[in-house]
Amino acid sequence: MRSPLMRRFGLATVLGLALAVFGLAPSASADPAPASLTFATDTAATTPGGTVQLSMTLTNNKTYDVLFVHQTIDPTWLTTQRPDLKYSFTGCSLATATGSTPCSGTGPANLGANYGATVPPGQSRTVTLTLQIAADSGCNGTIGFYSYYYAEFSDSTNSSGGPVYTPETRVNCA
């Protein structure tokens, strides 16, 4: 006599195999975000009078073009609480697959236009800001930024994220 437990196990196996064959089983892998924003700096430390290159890369993970990007970048609350810390953004460039050009947007408060018009599927755009630390700036502080972004795609969908915190750059005395 066959065990009822074995019958149930056999039925579950056959049902699971059928679902997998016909593509109805849940996928084990997660879909990537429609657009991702990553940050990098060219150095982890600087001194008064030094510069840091802050790069932000927007990657289109969808099969449709990114038509519009809005991104802001602002100092963290702790950074704004340092009255002795003096810095400014002195440069901006856009790197694409075809080369690098000066930014065309309105600057670090609104970086979206700097990514250029259309970002095709699977491609990235990198905006690099030059952060200049004043020669008379205070030392032993951390400069941190956060960012929000919003992207619209040609299939009439959108993606947003934030706050996204950038890598922090330590400003050390010489």
N, C-alpha and C. Protein backbone atom coordinates (compact mmCIF):
# COMPACT_ATOMS: atom_id res chain seq x y z
N MET A 1 0.83 -1.17 0.00
CA MET A 1 0.00 0.00 0.00
C MET A 1 0.89 1.25 0.00
N ARG A 2 0.55 2.22 -0.86
CA ARG A 2 1.35 3.45 -0.96
C ARG A 2 0.95 4.41 0.14
N SER A 3 1.92 5.15 0.59
CA SER A 3 1.70 6.13 1.65
C SER A 3 1.04 7.39 1.07
N PRO A 4 0.03 7.99 1.76
CA PRO A 4 -0.57 9.23 1.29
C PRO A 4 0.44 10.38 1.25
N LEU A 5 1.45 10.31 2.11
CA LEU A 5 2.48 11.35 2.12
C LEU A 5 3.26 11.35 0.81
N MET A 6 3.57 10.18 0.28
CA MET A 6 4.30 10.08 -0.97
C MET A 6 3.46 10.60 -2.13
N ARG A 7 2.13 10.34 -2.08
CA ARG A 7 1.26 10.84 -3.14
C ARG A 7 1.24 12.36 -3.15
N ARG A 8 1.17 12.97 -1.97
CA ARG A 8 1.17 14.43 -1.89
C ARG A 8 2.49 15.01 -2.38
N PHE A 9 3.58 14.38 -2.01
CA PHE A 9 4.89 14.85 -2.44
C PHE A 9 5.01 14.76 -3.96
N GLY A 10 4.55 13.67 -4.53
CA GLY A 10 4.59 13.49 -5.99
C GLY A 10 3.75 14.52 -6.71
N LEU A 11 2.56 14.81 -6.19
CA LEU A 11 1.68 15.80 -6.80
C LEU A 11 2.30 17.20 -6.73
N ALA A 12 2.89 17.55 -5.61
CA ALA A 12 3.54 18.85 -5.46
C ALA A 12 4.73 18.98 -6.42
N THR A 13 5.47 17.90 -6.61
CA THR A 13 6.61 17.92 -7.51
C THR A 13 6.16 18.13 -8.95
N VAL A 14 5.14 17.39 -9.37
CA VAL A 14 4.63 17.51 -10.73
C VAL A 14 4.07 18.91 -10.97
N LEU A 15 3.33 19.45 -10.01
CA LEU A 15 2.77 20.79 -10.14
C LEU A 15 3.88 21.85 -10.22
N GLY A 16 4.89 21.74 -9.38
CA GLY A 16 6.02 22.68 -9.40
C GLY A 16 6.79 22.61 -10.70
N LEU A 17 6.99 21.42 -11.24
CA LEU A 17 7.69 21.26 -12.50
C LEU A 17 6.89 21.88 -13.64
N ALA A 18 5.58 21.70 -13.64
CA ALA A 18 4.74 22.27 -14.68
C ALA A 18 4.78 23.80 -14.64
N LEU A 19 4.72 24.36 -13.44
CA LEU A 19 4.79 25.82 -13.32
C LEU A 19 6.13 26.35 -13.81
N ALA A 20 7.21 25.66 -13.49
CA ALA A 20 8.53 26.10 -13.91
C ALA A 20 8.68 26.01 -15.43
N VAL A 21 8.16 24.94 -16.03
CA VAL A 21 8.27 24.76 -17.47
C VAL A 21 7.51 25.84 -18.22
N PHE A 22 6.34 26.21 -17.74
CA PHE A 22 5.53 27.19 -18.43
C PHE A 22 5.80 28.63 -17.97
N GLY A 23 6.82 28.85 -17.16
CA GLY A 23 7.22 30.19 -16.77
C GLY A 23 6.30 30.87 -15.77
N LEU A 24 5.52 30.11 -15.04
CA LEU A 24 4.60 30.70 -14.09
C LEU A 24 5.15 30.73 -12.67
N ALA A 25 6.26 30.08 -12.47
CA ALA A 25 6.86 30.05 -11.13
C ALA A 25 7.49 31.41 -10.84
N PRO A 26 7.48 31.84 -9.58
CA PRO A 26 8.10 33.13 -9.24
C PRO A 26 9.59 33.09 -9.52
N SER A 27 10.11 34.19 -10.00
CA SER A 27 11.52 34.29 -10.33
C SER A 27 12.34 34.48 -9.06
N ALA A 28 13.51 33.87 -9.02
CA ALA A 28 14.37 33.99 -7.85
C ALA A 28 15.18 35.28 -7.88
N SER A 29 15.38 35.85 -9.06
CA SER A 29 16.20 37.06 -9.14
C SER A 29 15.31 38.30 -9.11
N ALA A 30 15.82 39.33 -8.48
CA ALA A 30 15.08 40.60 -8.38
C ALA A 30 15.43 41.48 -9.58
N ASP A 31 14.46 42.23 -10.07
CA ASP A 31 14.71 43.17 -11.15
C ASP A 31 15.53 44.33 -10.62
N PRO A 32 16.46 44.85 -11.43
CA PRO A 32 17.21 46.02 -10.98
C PRO A 32 16.31 47.25 -10.96
N ALA A 33 16.71 48.26 -10.25
CA ALA A 33 15.97 49.51 -10.23
C ALA A 33 15.92 50.07 -11.64
N PRO A 34 14.82 50.73 -12.03
CA PRO A 34 14.74 51.29 -13.39
C PRO A 34 15.90 52.23 -13.72
N ALA A 35 16.31 53.01 -12.75
CA ALA A 35 17.47 53.89 -12.92
C ALA A 35 18.22 53.87 -11.59
N SER A 36 19.54 53.85 -11.67
CA SER A 36 20.32 53.86 -10.43
C SER A 36 21.26 55.05 -10.44
N LEU A 37 21.52 55.56 -9.26
CA LEU A 37 22.41 56.70 -9.09
C LEU A 37 23.50 56.29 -8.11
N THR A 38 24.74 56.37 -8.55
CA THR A 38 25.88 56.00 -7.70
C THR A 38 26.83 57.18 -7.59
N PHE A 39 27.60 57.20 -6.51
CA PHE A 39 28.51 58.30 -6.23
C PHE A 39 29.92 57.78 -6.02
N ALA A 40 30.91 58.61 -6.36
CA ALA A 40 32.31 58.28 -6.12
C ALA A 40 33.09 59.57 -5.96
N THR A 41 34.18 59.49 -5.22
CA THR A 41 35.10 60.62 -5.10
C THR A 41 36.48 60.16 -5.55
N ASP A 42 37.30 61.10 -6.01
CA ASP A 42 38.64 60.73 -6.46
C ASP A 42 39.63 60.60 -5.31
N THR A 43 39.24 61.05 -4.12
CA THR A 43 40.12 60.95 -2.96
C THR A 43 39.25 60.89 -1.70
N ALA A 44 39.77 60.26 -0.67
CA ALA A 44 39.03 60.15 0.59
C ALA A 44 39.39 61.26 1.56
N ALA A 45 40.49 61.97 1.28
CA ALA A 45 40.94 63.03 2.19
C ALA A 45 41.50 64.18 1.40
N THR A 46 41.39 65.35 1.96
CA THR A 46 41.95 66.55 1.34
C THR A 46 42.39 67.50 2.45
N THR A 47 42.99 68.58 2.08
CA THR A 47 43.44 69.59 3.04
C THR A 47 42.87 70.94 2.62
N PRO A 48 42.91 71.93 3.49
CA PRO A 48 42.48 73.26 3.07
C PRO A 48 43.24 73.69 1.82
N GLY A 49 42.51 74.22 0.85
CA GLY A 49 43.11 74.61 -0.42
C GLY A 49 43.05 73.50 -1.46
N GLY A 50 42.64 72.30 -1.08
CA GLY A 50 42.60 71.17 -2.00
C GLY A 50 41.27 71.06 -2.74
N THR A 51 41.22 70.12 -3.67
CA THR A 51 40.00 69.87 -4.42
C THR A 51 39.63 68.39 -4.34
N VAL A 52 38.35 68.13 -4.52
CA VAL A 52 37.83 66.77 -4.56
C VAL A 52 36.88 66.69 -5.75
N GLN A 53 37.01 65.64 -6.52
CA GLN A 53 36.10 65.41 -7.64
C GLN A 53 34.97 64.49 -7.16
N LEU A 54 33.73 64.99 -7.15
CA LEU A 54 32.56 64.22 -6.75
C LEU A 54 31.81 63.82 -8.01
N SER A 55 31.78 62.51 -8.29
CA SER A 55 31.13 62.01 -9.51
C SER A 55 29.83 61.31 -9.17
N MET A 56 28.81 61.58 -9.98
CA MET A 56 27.50 60.94 -9.84
C MET A 56 27.17 60.29 -11.16
N THR A 57 26.88 58.98 -11.14
CA THR A 57 26.60 58.24 -12.37
C THR A 57 25.16 57.76 -12.35
N LEU A 58 24.41 58.17 -13.36
CA LEU A 58 23.03 57.72 -13.55
C LEU A 58 23.05 56.64 -14.62
N THR A 59 22.53 55.45 -14.28
CA THR A 59 22.48 54.33 -15.20
C THR A 59 21.04 53.99 -15.51
N ASN A 60 20.72 53.86 -16.80
CA ASN A 60 19.39 53.49 -17.25
C ASN A 60 19.32 51.97 -17.34
N ASN A 61 18.58 51.34 -16.42
CA ASN A 61 18.46 49.88 -16.39
C ASN A 61 17.23 49.36 -17.12
N LYS A 62 16.45 50.26 -17.71
CA LYS A 62 15.24 49.84 -18.43
C LYS A 62 15.53 49.61 -19.91
N THR A 63 14.52 49.13 -20.62
CA THR A 63 14.64 48.94 -22.06
C THR A 63 14.09 50.14 -22.82
N TYR A 64 13.79 51.22 -22.12
CA TYR A 64 13.30 52.46 -22.72
C TYR A 64 14.26 53.59 -22.37
N ASP A 65 14.27 54.63 -23.19
CA ASP A 65 15.13 55.79 -22.96
C ASP A 65 14.71 56.57 -21.72
N VAL A 66 15.70 57.15 -21.03
CA VAL A 66 15.42 58.16 -20.01
C VAL A 66 15.29 59.47 -20.77
N LEU A 67 14.14 60.13 -20.64
CA LEU A 67 13.90 61.38 -21.35
C LEU A 67 14.18 62.61 -20.50
N PHE A 68 14.03 62.48 -19.18
CA PHE A 68 14.13 63.64 -18.30
C PHE A 68 14.69 63.19 -16.96
N VAL A 69 15.60 63.99 -16.40
CA VAL A 69 16.17 63.70 -15.08
C VAL A 69 16.13 64.99 -14.27
N HIS A 70 15.69 64.88 -13.04
CA HIS A 70 15.79 65.99 -12.09
C HIS A 70 16.57 65.45 -10.90
N GLN A 71 17.65 66.12 -10.54
CA GLN A 71 18.45 65.70 -9.39
C GLN A 71 18.89 66.94 -8.63
N THR A 72 18.83 66.84 -7.31
CA THR A 72 19.36 67.90 -6.46
C THR A 72 20.50 67.33 -5.63
N ILE A 73 21.40 68.19 -5.22
CA ILE A 73 22.46 67.78 -4.29
C ILE A 73 22.61 68.90 -3.27
N ASP A 74 22.59 68.52 -2.01
CA ASP A 74 22.66 69.49 -0.92
C ASP A 74 23.57 68.95 0.18
N PRO A 75 24.20 69.86 0.95
CA PRO A 75 25.03 69.39 2.07
C PRO A 75 24.16 68.79 3.17
N THR A 76 24.72 67.81 3.87
CA THR A 76 24.01 67.22 5.00
C THR A 76 23.89 68.24 6.12
N TRP A 77 23.00 67.96 7.04
CA TRP A 77 22.79 68.88 8.15
C TRP A 77 24.07 69.09 8.95
N LEU A 78 24.83 68.03 9.21
CA LEU A 78 26.08 68.17 9.97
C LEU A 78 27.08 69.06 9.24
N THR A 79 27.11 68.96 7.91
CA THR A 79 28.01 69.81 7.14
C THR A 79 27.63 71.27 7.27
N THR A 80 26.35 71.58 7.27
CA THR A 80 25.91 72.97 7.38
C THR A 80 26.14 73.54 8.77
N GLN A 81 26.37 72.70 9.76
CA GLN A 81 26.57 73.16 11.13
C GLN A 81 28.02 73.52 11.42
N ARG A 82 28.89 73.43 10.45
CA ARG A 82 30.31 73.74 10.63
C ARG A 82 30.60 75.13 10.08
N PRO A 83 30.54 76.19 10.89
CA PRO A 83 30.77 77.54 10.37
C PRO A 83 32.21 77.76 9.89
N ASP A 84 33.16 76.93 10.37
CA ASP A 84 34.55 77.09 9.96
C ASP A 84 34.86 76.37 8.64
N LEU A 85 33.95 75.56 8.16
CA LEU A 85 34.17 74.80 6.94
C LEU A 85 33.73 75.63 5.74
N LYS A 86 34.68 75.90 4.83
CA LYS A 86 34.40 76.73 3.67
C LYS A 86 34.74 75.95 2.40
N TYR A 87 33.78 75.86 1.50
CA TYR A 87 33.99 75.15 0.24
C TYR A 87 33.01 75.68 -0.79
N SER A 88 33.28 75.36 -2.05
CA SER A 88 32.36 75.72 -3.12
C SER A 88 32.57 74.76 -4.28
N PHE A 89 31.55 74.66 -5.13
CA PHE A 89 31.67 73.88 -6.36
C PHE A 89 32.21 74.82 -7.43
N THR A 90 33.38 74.47 -8.00
CA THR A 90 34.03 75.35 -8.96
C THR A 90 34.01 74.83 -10.39
N GLY A 91 33.57 73.61 -10.59
CA GLY A 91 33.56 73.06 -11.94
C GLY A 91 32.55 71.94 -12.06
N CYS A 92 32.15 71.67 -13.31
CA CYS A 92 31.19 70.61 -13.56
C CYS A 92 31.42 70.09 -14.98
N SER A 93 31.45 68.77 -15.14
CA SER A 93 31.59 68.18 -16.48
C SER A 93 30.69 66.96 -16.61
N LEU A 94 30.30 66.67 -17.84
CA LEU A 94 29.45 65.53 -18.17
C LEU A 94 30.26 64.56 -19.01
N ALA A 95 30.35 63.31 -18.56
CA ALA A 95 31.05 62.27 -19.32
C ALA A 95 30.02 61.33 -19.93
N THR A 96 30.15 61.11 -21.24
CA THR A 96 29.27 60.18 -21.95
C THR A 96 30.14 59.17 -22.68
N ALA A 97 29.53 58.29 -23.42
CA ALA A 97 30.27 57.30 -24.19
C ALA A 97 31.12 57.97 -25.27
N THR A 98 30.77 59.19 -25.68
CA THR A 98 31.49 59.87 -26.76
C THR A 98 32.49 60.91 -26.28
N GLY A 99 32.62 61.10 -24.98
CA GLY A 99 33.58 62.07 -24.47
C GLY A 99 33.03 62.88 -23.32
N SER A 100 33.74 63.97 -22.99
CA SER A 100 33.37 64.81 -21.86
C SER A 100 33.14 66.24 -22.32
N THR A 101 32.12 66.87 -21.75
CA THR A 101 31.79 68.26 -22.09
C THR A 101 31.47 69.01 -20.80
N PRO A 102 31.54 70.34 -20.83
CA PRO A 102 31.11 71.11 -19.66
C PRO A 102 29.62 70.90 -19.40
N CYS A 103 29.21 71.04 -18.17
CA CYS A 103 27.80 70.88 -17.81
C CYS A 103 26.95 71.95 -18.48
N SER A 104 25.69 71.63 -18.70
CA SER A 104 24.78 72.60 -19.30
C SER A 104 23.64 72.96 -18.37
N GLY A 105 23.61 72.37 -17.18
CA GLY A 105 22.52 72.63 -16.24
C GLY A 105 22.77 73.86 -15.40
N THR A 106 21.97 73.99 -14.36
CA THR A 106 22.04 75.19 -13.52
C THR A 106 22.96 75.04 -12.33
N GLY A 107 23.72 73.96 -12.24
CA GLY A 107 24.67 73.83 -11.16
C GLY A 107 24.27 72.80 -10.13
N PRO A 108 24.99 72.73 -9.01
CA PRO A 108 24.81 71.65 -8.05
C PRO A 108 23.45 71.62 -7.37
N ALA A 109 22.75 72.73 -7.33
CA ALA A 109 21.42 72.70 -6.70
C ALA A 109 20.43 71.94 -7.57
N ASN A 110 20.63 71.92 -8.89
CA ASN A 110 19.75 71.23 -9.80
C ASN A 110 20.59 70.63 -10.91
N LEU A 111 20.97 69.36 -10.74
CA LEU A 111 21.89 68.71 -11.67
C LEU A 111 21.22 68.02 -12.83
N GLY A 112 19.90 67.88 -12.82
CA GLY A 112 19.21 67.07 -13.82
C GLY A 112 19.55 67.40 -15.25
N ALA A 113 19.55 68.67 -15.61
CA ALA A 113 19.84 69.04 -17.00
C ALA A 113 21.26 68.70 -17.40
N ASN A 114 22.15 68.54 -16.45
CA ASN A 114 23.54 68.23 -16.77
C ASN A 114 23.74 66.83 -17.33
N TYR A 115 22.79 65.93 -17.15
CA TYR A 115 22.95 64.57 -17.66
C TYR A 115 22.73 64.47 -19.16
N GLY A 116 22.37 65.56 -19.80
CA GLY A 116 22.15 65.53 -21.23
C GLY A 116 20.73 65.09 -21.53
N ALA A 117 20.37 65.12 -22.79
CA ALA A 117 18.98 64.85 -23.19
C ALA A 117 18.58 63.40 -22.92
N THR A 118 18.79 62.53 -23.83
CA THR A 118 18.30 61.16 -23.73
C THR A 118 19.40 60.23 -23.24
N VAL A 119 19.06 59.33 -22.30
CA VAL A 119 19.99 58.29 -21.86
C VAL A 119 19.41 56.97 -22.36
N PRO A 120 20.02 56.36 -23.39
CA PRO A 120 19.49 55.12 -23.96
C PRO A 120 19.55 53.96 -22.96
N PRO A 121 18.79 52.90 -23.23
CA PRO A 121 18.80 51.72 -22.35
C PRO A 121 20.21 51.16 -22.16
N GLY A 122 20.53 50.83 -20.92
CA GLY A 122 21.82 50.23 -20.61
C GLY A 122 22.98 51.19 -20.55
N GLN A 123 22.78 52.46 -20.88
CA GLN A 123 23.88 53.42 -20.86
C GLN A 123 23.88 54.24 -19.58
N SER A 124 24.99 54.92 -19.35
CA SER A 124 25.18 55.74 -18.16
C SER A 124 25.64 57.13 -18.56
N ARG A 125 25.39 58.07 -17.67
CA ARG A 125 25.92 59.42 -17.80
C ARG A 125 26.54 59.77 -16.45
N THR A 126 27.72 60.39 -16.47
CA THR A 126 28.40 60.75 -15.24
C THR A 126 28.63 62.25 -15.19
N VAL A 127 28.12 62.88 -14.14
CA VAL A 127 28.37 64.29 -13.88
C VAL A 127 29.41 64.38 -12.77
N THR A 128 30.47 65.14 -13.00
CA THR A 128 31.53 65.30 -12.01
C THR A 128 31.61 66.76 -11.59
N LEU A 129 31.45 66.99 -10.30
CA LEU A 129 31.57 68.33 -9.73
C LEU A 129 32.95 68.46 -9.07
N THR A 130 33.57 69.62 -9.24
CA THR A 130 34.83 69.91 -8.56
C THR A 130 34.50 70.68 -7.29
N LEU A 131 34.85 70.10 -6.16
CA LEU A 131 34.62 70.71 -4.85
C LEU A 131 35.92 71.34 -4.40
N GLN A 132 35.95 72.66 -4.28
CA GLN A 132 37.15 73.40 -3.86
C GLN A 132 37.03 73.73 -2.38
N ILE A 133 38.01 73.28 -1.60
CA ILE A 133 38.07 73.60 -0.17
C ILE A 133 38.87 74.89 -0.02
N ALA A 134 38.32 75.88 0.68
CA ALA A 134 39.01 77.16 0.84
C ALA A 134 40.31 76.98 1.62
N ALA A 135 41.29 77.80 1.27
CA ALA A 135 42.60 77.72 1.93
C ALA A 135 42.50 78.03 3.42
N ASP A 136 41.53 78.86 3.82
CA ASP A 136 41.37 79.20 5.24
C ASP A 136 40.24 78.41 5.91
N SER A 137 39.87 77.31 5.34
CA SER A 137 38.79 76.49 5.88
C SER A 137 39.22 75.79 7.16
N GLY A 138 38.24 75.50 8.02
CA GLY A 138 38.51 74.73 9.22
C GLY A 138 38.89 73.31 8.88
N CYS A 139 39.46 72.62 9.84
CA CYS A 139 39.96 71.27 9.61
C CYS A 139 39.18 70.24 10.43
N ASN A 140 39.51 68.97 10.19
CA ASN A 140 38.94 67.83 10.92
C ASN A 140 37.42 67.77 10.85
N GLY A 141 36.89 68.21 9.75
CA GLY A 141 35.45 68.11 9.56
C GLY A 141 35.13 67.17 8.41
N THR A 142 33.92 66.73 8.37
CA THR A 142 33.48 65.86 7.30
C THR A 142 32.48 66.61 6.44
N ILE A 143 32.73 66.60 5.13
CA ILE A 143 31.79 67.20 4.20
C ILE A 143 30.95 66.07 3.64
N GLY A 144 29.64 66.15 3.81
CA GLY A 144 28.75 65.13 3.31
C GLY A 144 27.62 65.76 2.52
N PHE A 145 27.12 65.04 1.52
CA PHE A 145 26.01 65.53 0.70
C PHE A 145 24.95 64.45 0.59
N TYR A 146 23.74 64.88 0.29
CA TYR A 146 22.68 63.93 -0.03
C TYR A 146 21.99 64.41 -1.30
N SER A 147 21.30 63.49 -1.94
CA SER A 147 20.72 63.80 -3.22
C SER A 147 19.38 63.10 -3.38
N TYR A 148 18.48 63.74 -4.11
CA TYR A 148 17.24 63.14 -4.56
C TYR A 148 17.27 63.15 -6.08
N TYR A 149 16.66 62.14 -6.70
CA TYR A 149 16.57 62.17 -8.15
C TYR A 149 15.21 61.66 -8.61
N TYR A 150 14.86 62.07 -9.82
CA TYR A 150 13.62 61.66 -10.46
C TYR A 150 13.93 61.49 -11.94
N ALA A 151 13.53 60.38 -12.52
CA ALA A 151 13.78 60.14 -13.94
C ALA A 151 12.49 59.72 -14.62
N GLU A 152 12.26 60.22 -15.82
CA GLU A 152 11.10 59.83 -16.62
C GLU A 152 11.59 59.08 -17.84
N PHE A 153 10.84 58.01 -18.20
CA PHE A 153 11.22 57.14 -19.30
C PHE A 153 10.27 57.31 -20.48
N SER A 154 10.70 56.88 -21.66
CA SER A 154 9.89 57.05 -22.86
C SER A 154 8.67 56.13 -22.88
N ASP A 155 8.56 55.19 -21.95
CA ASP A 155 7.35 54.35 -21.87
C ASP A 155 6.33 54.94 -20.90
N SER A 156 6.49 56.21 -20.56
CA SER A 156 5.58 56.98 -19.68
C SER A 156 5.62 56.55 -18.22
N THR A 157 6.68 55.87 -17.80
CA THR A 157 6.85 55.54 -16.38
C THR A 157 7.90 56.47 -15.80
N ASN A 158 8.06 56.41 -14.48
CA ASN A 158 9.07 57.23 -13.83
C ASN A 158 9.70 56.45 -12.69
N SER A 159 10.78 56.96 -12.20
CA SER A 159 11.51 56.36 -11.09
C SER A 159 12.04 57.48 -10.23
N SER A 160 12.00 57.31 -8.92
CA SER A 160 12.57 58.33 -8.06
C SER A 160 13.28 57.64 -6.90
N GLY A 161 14.19 58.35 -6.29
CA GLY A 161 14.92 57.78 -5.17
C GLY A 161 15.51 58.87 -4.31
N GLY A 162 15.75 58.52 -3.09
CA GLY A 162 16.38 59.47 -2.20
C GLY A 162 15.79 59.39 -0.82
N PRO A 163 16.45 59.93 0.16
CA PRO A 163 17.74 60.57 -0.08
C PRO A 163 18.83 59.53 -0.34
N VAL A 164 19.70 59.87 -1.27
CA VAL A 164 20.87 59.06 -1.55
C VAL A 164 22.04 59.82 -0.98
N TYR A 165 22.78 59.21 -0.07
CA TYR A 165 23.90 59.90 0.58
C TYR A 165 25.18 59.63 -0.20
N THR A 166 25.92 60.69 -0.46
CA THR A 166 27.17 60.55 -1.19
C THR A 166 28.27 60.10 -0.23
N PRO A 167 29.36 59.60 -0.79
CA PRO A 167 30.49 59.29 0.07
C PRO A 167 30.96 60.55 0.78
N GLU A 168 31.37 60.43 1.99
CA GLU A 168 31.82 61.61 2.72
C GLU A 168 33.31 61.82 2.52
N THR A 169 33.70 63.06 2.47
CA THR A 169 35.10 63.42 2.28
C THR A 169 35.60 64.11 3.54
N ARG A 170 36.63 63.57 4.15
CA ARG A 170 37.21 64.13 5.36
C ARG A 170 38.16 65.26 5.00
N VAL A 171 38.00 66.39 5.64
CA VAL A 171 38.88 67.53 5.41
C VAL A 171 39.85 67.59 6.58
N ASN A 172 41.11 67.27 6.32
CA ASN A 172 42.12 67.21 7.39
C ASN A 172 43.06 68.42 7.32
N CYS A 173 43.53 68.84 8.52
CA CYS A 173 44.54 69.90 8.55
C CYS A 173 45.88 69.36 8.03
N ALA A 174 46.61 70.23 7.39
CA ALA A 174 47.94 69.84 6.89
C ALA A 174 48.95 69.83 8.02
